[in-house]
């Protein structure tokens, strides 16, 4: 896997071996960042970071601050290695259960929140409620949700303004 744009373009991103994580496909990454358009000087929260590829892509395209988390220790180690190898320093990385991670960063406001939980994740409403109740998303911010294309998640706290399927994945975008 490689960074597709920005000053780190073509840099290699290592991924976790096996099926514990699903790296976001290049076509999907391109679609996400084409939609977000300009991420320069923005803050990016990645709750289920996997390899860190989406956050690294955001940084390469100009994001100023990254907050990453993955509960899987092996994934955390891969993310740490990727960030260090690419000499990215403006980040905070955690190895916590998702709600414990959110508790740590709940007082910050983010421009973008990326959620790509395991396909068997069942707490969509709770995580969106948490983000809403703690006002973690800036007024102009966007939540990007990557889920299985056959999953029909209903969110009560934010407005879903766009969604598109990409093979086995689906990307949904939410605003205040």
C-alpha atoms as a PDB file:
ATOM      1  CA  UNK A   1       0.000   0.000   0.000  1.00  0.00           C
ATOM      2  CA  UNK A   2       1.228   3.506  -0.843  1.00  0.00           C
ATOM      3  CA  UNK A   3       0.383   7.118  -0.076  1.00  0.00           C
ATOM      4  CA  UNK A   4      -1.459   8.375  -3.157  1.00  0.00           C
ATOM      5  CA  UNK A   5      -0.952  12.159  -2.955  1.00  0.00           C
ATOM      6  CA  UNK A   6       0.794  14.991  -1.163  1.00  0.00           C
ATOM      7  CA  UNK A   7       4.398  15.373  -0.077  1.00  0.00           C
ATOM      8  CA  UNK A   8       4.625  11.689   0.979  1.00  0.00           C
ATOM      9  CA  UNK A   9       3.232  10.458  -2.355  1.00  0.00           C
ATOM     10  CA  UNK A  10       4.337   6.904  -3.243  1.00  0.00           C
ATOM     11  CA  UNK A  11       5.684   6.254   0.262  1.00  0.00           C
ATOM     12  CA  UNK A  12       5.048   2.673   1.326  1.00  0.00           C
ATOM     13  CA  UNK A  13       2.609   2.009   4.163  1.00  0.00           C
ATOM     14  CA  UNK A  14       3.000  -1.343   5.848  1.00  0.00           C
ATOM     15  CA  UNK A  15      -0.170  -3.202   6.798  1.00  0.00           C
ATOM     16  CA  UNK A  16      -0.982  -5.865   9.327  1.00  0.00           C
ATOM     17  CA  UNK A  17      -0.711  -9.414   7.991  1.00  0.00           C
ATOM     18  CA  UNK A  18      -3.881 -11.510   8.025  1.00  0.00           C
ATOM     19  CA  UNK A  19      -7.536 -10.540   8.248  1.00  0.00           C
ATOM     20  CA  UNK A  20      -7.532  -8.575  11.512  1.00  0.00           C
ATOM     21  CA  UNK A  21      -7.689  -5.275   9.625  1.00  0.00           C
ATOM     22  CA  UNK A  22      -8.989  -4.256   6.189  1.00  0.00           C
ATOM     23  CA  UNK A  23      -6.819  -1.576   4.594  1.00  0.00           C
ATOM     24  CA  UNK A  24      -8.898   1.006   2.757  1.00  0.00           C
ATOM     25  CA  UNK A  25      -8.459   0.468  -0.976  1.00  0.00           C
ATOM     26  CA  UNK A  26      -6.686   3.178  -2.996  1.00  0.00           C
ATOM     27  CA  UNK A  27      -9.824   3.919  -5.031  1.00  0.00           C
ATOM     28  CA  UNK A  28     -11.771   4.520  -1.794  1.00  0.00           C
ATOM     29  CA  UNK A  29      -9.000   6.707  -0.338  1.00  0.00           C
ATOM     30  CA  UNK A  30      -8.998   8.807  -3.492  1.00  0.00           C
ATOM     31  CA  UNK A  31     -12.790   9.169  -3.350  1.00  0.00           C
ATOM     32  CA  UNK A  32     -12.682  10.240   0.310  1.00  0.00           C
ATOM     33  CA  UNK A  33     -10.026  12.892  -0.222  1.00  0.00           C
ATOM     34  CA  UNK A  34     -11.590  14.114  -3.461  1.00  0.00           C
ATOM     35  CA  UNK A  35     -14.786  14.667  -1.505  1.00  0.00           C
ATOM     36  CA  UNK A  36     -13.032  16.388   1.428  1.00  0.00           C
ATOM     37  CA  UNK A  37     -11.083  18.432  -1.135  1.00  0.00           C
ATOM     38  CA  UNK A  38      -8.670  20.473   1.011  1.00  0.00           C
ATOM     39  CA  UNK A  39      -7.524  19.119   4.384  1.00  0.00           C
ATOM     40  CA  UNK A  40      -4.754  21.695   4.855  1.00  0.00           C
ATOM     41  CA  UNK A  41      -4.245  22.707   8.504  1.00  0.00           C
ATOM     42  CA  UNK A  42      -7.107  20.476   9.694  1.00  0.00           C
ATOM     43  CA  UNK A  43      -7.303  18.048  12.626  1.00  0.00           C
ATOM     44  CA  UNK A  44      -7.969  14.375  11.940  1.00  0.00           C
ATOM     45  CA  UNK A  45      -9.275  11.734  14.352  1.00  0.00           C
ATOM     46  CA  UNK A  46      -8.913   8.077  13.310  1.00  0.00           C
ATOM     47  CA  UNK A  47     -10.639   5.858  15.885  1.00  0.00           C
ATOM     48  CA  UNK A  48      -9.939   2.434  14.306  1.00  0.00           C
ATOM     49  CA  UNK A  49      -6.682   3.254  12.522  1.00  0.00           C
ATOM     50  CA  UNK A  50      -5.593  -0.207  11.279  1.00  0.00           C
ATOM     51  CA  UNK A  51      -2.337   0.625   9.477  1.00  0.00           C
ATOM     52  CA  UNK A  52      -2.735   4.389   9.826  1.00  0.00           C
ATOM     53  CA  UNK A  53      -3.055   4.704   6.038  1.00  0.00           C
ATOM     54  CA  UNK A  54      -5.979   7.156   6.032  1.00  0.00           C
ATOM     55  CA  UNK A  55      -4.378   9.405   8.662  1.00  0.00           C
ATOM     56  CA  UNK A  56      -1.015   9.275   6.891  1.00  0.00           C
ATOM     57  CA  UNK A  57      -2.761  10.195   3.633  1.00  0.00           C
ATOM     58  CA  UNK A  58      -4.454  13.119   5.415  1.00  0.00           C
ATOM     59  CA  UNK A  59      -1.102  14.280   6.804  1.00  0.00           C
ATOM     60  CA  UNK A  60       0.567  13.989   3.403  1.00  0.00           C
ATOM     61  CA  UNK A  61      -2.206  16.201   1.989  1.00  0.00           C
ATOM     62  CA  UNK A  62      -1.733  18.881   4.652  1.00  0.00           C
ATOM     63  CA  UNK A  63      -3.529  17.919   7.874  1.00  0.00           C
ATOM     64  CA  UNK A  64      -1.693  19.515  10.774  1.00  0.00           C
ATOM     65  CA  UNK A  65      -2.624  17.195  13.620  1.00  0.00           C
ATOM     66  CA  UNK A  66      -3.415  13.470  13.787  1.00  0.00           C
ATOM     67  CA  UNK A  67      -5.027  11.462  16.572  1.00  0.00           C
ATOM     68  CA  UNK A  68      -4.933   7.729  15.894  1.00  0.00           C
ATOM     69  CA  UNK A  69      -6.061   4.690  17.822  1.00  0.00           C
ATOM     70  CA  UNK A  70      -6.273   0.958  17.358  1.00  0.00           C
ATOM     71  CA  UNK A  71      -7.207  -1.535  20.051  1.00  0.00           C
ATOM     72  CA  UNK A  72      -5.246  -4.299  18.311  1.00  0.00           C
ATOM     73  CA  UNK A  73      -1.669  -4.154  19.672  1.00  0.00           C
ATOM     74  CA  UNK A  74      -0.201  -5.565  16.444  1.00  0.00           C
ATOM     75  CA  UNK A  75      -1.990  -2.879  14.426  1.00  0.00           C
ATOM     76  CA  UNK A  76      -0.773  -0.226  16.881  1.00  0.00           C
ATOM     77  CA  UNK A  77       2.818  -1.433  16.339  1.00  0.00           C
ATOM     78  CA  UNK A  78       2.411  -1.262  12.532  1.00  0.00           C
ATOM     79  CA  UNK A  79       0.971   2.261  12.773  1.00  0.00           C
ATOM     80  CA  UNK A  80       3.826   3.387  15.042  1.00  0.00           C
ATOM     81  CA  UNK A  81       6.370   1.923  12.648  1.00  0.00           C
ATOM     82  CA  UNK A  82       4.731   3.662   9.646  1.00  0.00           C
ATOM     83  CA  UNK A  83       4.609   7.033  11.402  1.00  0.00           C
ATOM     84  CA  UNK A  84       8.215   6.797  12.594  1.00  0.00           C
ATOM     85  CA  UNK A  85       9.561   5.544   9.271  1.00  0.00           C
ATOM     86  CA  UNK A  86       7.833   8.401   7.413  1.00  0.00           C
ATOM     87  CA  UNK A  87       9.127  10.893  10.014  1.00  0.00           C
ATOM     88  CA  UNK A  88       5.640  12.081  10.955  1.00  0.00           C
ATOM     89  CA  UNK A  89       5.862  13.748  14.351  1.00  0.00           C
ATOM     90  CA  UNK A  90       2.655  15.734  14.840  1.00  0.00           C
ATOM     91  CA  UNK A  91       0.467  12.870  16.053  1.00  0.00           C
ATOM     92  CA  UNK A  92      -0.872  11.156  19.124  1.00  0.00           C
ATOM     93  CA  UNK A  93      -1.242   7.379  18.929  1.00  0.00           C
ATOM     94  CA  UNK A  94      -3.137   5.163  21.360  1.00  0.00           C
ATOM     95  CA  UNK A  95      -3.807   1.467  21.902  1.00  0.00           C
ATOM     96  CA  UNK A  96      -7.193   1.608  23.642  1.00  0.00           C
ATOM     97  CA  UNK A  97     -10.748   0.354  23.350  1.00  0.00           C
ATOM     98  CA  UNK A  98     -12.583   2.923  21.199  1.00  0.00           C
ATOM     99  CA  UNK A  99     -14.683   4.528  23.969  1.00  0.00           C
ATOM    100  CA  UNK A 100     -11.678   4.815  26.301  1.00  0.00           C
ATOM    101  CA  UNK A 101      -9.822   6.520  23.467  1.00  0.00           C
ATOM    102  CA  UNK A 102     -12.721   8.905  22.893  1.00  0.00           C
ATOM    103  CA  UNK A 103     -12.725   9.685  26.627  1.00  0.00           C
ATOM    104  CA  UNK A 104      -9.100  10.846  26.290  1.00  0.00           C
ATOM    105  CA  UNK A 105      -9.749  13.189  23.374  1.00  0.00           C
ATOM    106  CA  UNK A 106     -13.336  14.255  24.124  1.00  0.00           C
ATOM    107  CA  UNK A 107     -12.375  17.853  24.911  1.00  0.00           C
ATOM    108  CA  UNK A 108     -10.862  18.438  21.453  1.00  0.00           C
ATOM    109  CA  UNK A 109     -12.792  19.482  18.375  1.00  0.00           C
ATOM    110  CA  UNK A 110     -11.962  17.818  15.082  1.00  0.00           C
ATOM    111  CA  UNK A 111     -12.380  18.820  11.463  1.00  0.00           C
ATOM    112  CA  UNK A 112     -12.569  15.183  10.371  1.00  0.00           C
ATOM    113  CA  UNK A 113     -13.435  12.019  12.248  1.00  0.00           C
ATOM    114  CA  UNK A 114     -12.776   8.763  10.417  1.00  0.00           C
ATOM    115  CA  UNK A 115     -14.542   5.626  11.618  1.00  0.00           C
ATOM    116  CA  UNK A 116     -13.646   2.300  10.015  1.00  0.00           C
ATOM    117  CA  UNK A 117     -14.596  -0.196  12.712  1.00  0.00           C
ATOM    118  CA  UNK A 118     -14.431  -3.959  12.344  1.00  0.00           C
ATOM    119  CA  UNK A 119     -17.342  -5.204  10.235  1.00  0.00           C
ATOM    120  CA  UNK A 120     -18.815  -6.951  13.307  1.00  0.00           C
ATOM    121  CA  UNK A 121     -18.916  -3.647  15.279  1.00  0.00           C
ATOM    122  CA  UNK A 122     -22.380  -3.053  16.756  1.00  0.00           C
ATOM    123  CA  UNK A 123     -22.087   0.277  18.563  1.00  0.00           C
ATOM    124  CA  UNK A 124     -22.573   2.749  15.726  1.00  0.00           C
ATOM    125  CA  UNK A 125     -25.358   4.669  17.431  1.00  0.00           C
ATOM    126  CA  UNK A 126     -23.387   4.837  20.685  1.00  0.00           C
ATOM    127  CA  UNK A 127     -20.214   6.139  19.060  1.00  0.00           C
ATOM    128  CA  UNK A 128     -22.086   8.809  17.092  1.00  0.00           C
ATOM    129  CA  UNK A 129     -24.011   9.757  20.241  1.00  0.00           C
ATOM    130  CA  UNK A 130     -20.738  10.090  22.157  1.00  0.00           C
ATOM    131  CA  UNK A 131     -19.217  12.333  19.474  1.00  0.00           C
ATOM    132  CA  UNK A 132     -22.411  14.421  19.393  1.00  0.00           C
ATOM    133  CA  UNK A 133     -22.816  14.780  23.165  1.00  0.00           C
ATOM    134  CA  UNK A 134     -19.179  15.808  23.630  1.00  0.00           C
ATOM    135  CA  UNK A 135     -19.284  18.188  20.650  1.00  0.00           C
ATOM    136  CA  UNK A 136     -16.142  16.641  19.206  1.00  0.00           C
ATOM    137  CA  UNK A 137     -16.922  17.623  15.602  1.00  0.00           C
ATOM    138  CA  UNK A 138     -16.346  21.217  14.541  1.00  0.00           C
ATOM    139  CA  UNK A 139     -19.361  23.005  13.047  1.00  0.00           C
ATOM    140  CA  UNK A 140     -17.955  22.590   9.535  1.00  0.00           C
ATOM    141  CA  UNK A 141     -16.539  19.130  10.303  1.00  0.00           C
ATOM    142  CA  UNK A 142     -17.271  15.810   8.630  1.00  0.00           C
ATOM    143  CA  UNK A 143     -17.517  12.270   9.967  1.00  0.00           C
ATOM    144  CA  UNK A 144     -16.468   9.648   7.437  1.00  0.00           C
ATOM    145  CA  UNK A 145     -17.788   6.147   8.105  1.00  0.00           C
ATOM    146  CA  UNK A 146     -16.468   3.117   6.240  1.00  0.00           C
ATOM    147  CA  UNK A 147     -18.639   0.022   6.635  1.00  0.00           C
ATOM    148  CA  UNK A 148     -19.554  -3.163   4.818  1.00  0.00           C
ATOM    149  CA  UNK A 149     -21.599  -2.395   1.696  1.00  0.00           C
ATOM    150  CA  UNK A 150     -24.424  -4.620   2.959  1.00  0.00           C
ATOM    151  CA  UNK A 151     -24.641  -2.791   6.306  1.00  0.00           C
ATOM    152  CA  UNK A 152     -27.483  -0.269   6.637  1.00  0.00           C
ATOM    153  CA  UNK A 153     -26.558   1.794   9.668  1.00  0.00           C
ATOM    154  CA  UNK A 154     -29.090   4.345  10.940  1.00  0.00           C
ATOM    155  CA  UNK A 155     -27.556   7.339  12.714  1.00  0.00           C
ATOM    156  CA  UNK A 156     -29.710   9.709  14.766  1.00  0.00           C
ATOM    157  CA  UNK A 157     -27.248  12.414  15.787  1.00  0.00           C
ATOM    158  CA  UNK A 158     -25.798  13.681  12.511  1.00  0.00           C
ATOM    159  CA  UNK A 159     -27.086  14.225   8.987  1.00  0.00           C
ATOM    160  CA  UNK A 160     -25.984  11.710   6.390  1.00  0.00           C
ATOM    161  CA  UNK A 161     -25.508  13.835   3.303  1.00  0.00           C
ATOM    162  CA  UNK A 162     -23.698  11.417   0.997  1.00  0.00           C
ATOM    163  CA  UNK A 163     -22.885   7.748   0.612  1.00  0.00           C
ATOM    164  CA  UNK A 164     -21.414   5.487  -2.029  1.00  0.00           C
ATOM    165  CA  UNK A 165     -20.590   1.796  -2.399  1.00  0.00           C
ATOM    166  CA  UNK A 166     -17.162   0.594  -3.519  1.00  0.00           C
ATOM    167  CA  UNK A 167     -17.296  -3.185  -3.887  1.00  0.00           C
ATOM    168  CA  UNK A 168     -17.497  -4.675  -0.381  1.00  0.00           C
ATOM    169  CA  UNK A 169     -17.168  -1.261   1.299  1.00  0.00           C
ATOM    170  CA  UNK A 170     -19.439   1.725   1.637  1.00  0.00           C
ATOM    171  CA  UNK A 171     -18.461   5.260   2.616  1.00  0.00           C
ATOM    172  CA  UNK A 172     -21.012   7.469   4.389  1.00  0.00           C
ATOM    173  CA  UNK A 173     -20.477  11.172   5.164  1.00  0.00           C
ATOM    174  CA  UNK A 174     -22.117  12.996   8.083  1.00  0.00           C
ATOM    175  CA  UNK A 175     -22.357  16.624   9.212  1.00  0.00           C
ATOM    176  CA  UNK A 176     -23.952  18.474  12.114  1.00  0.00           C
END
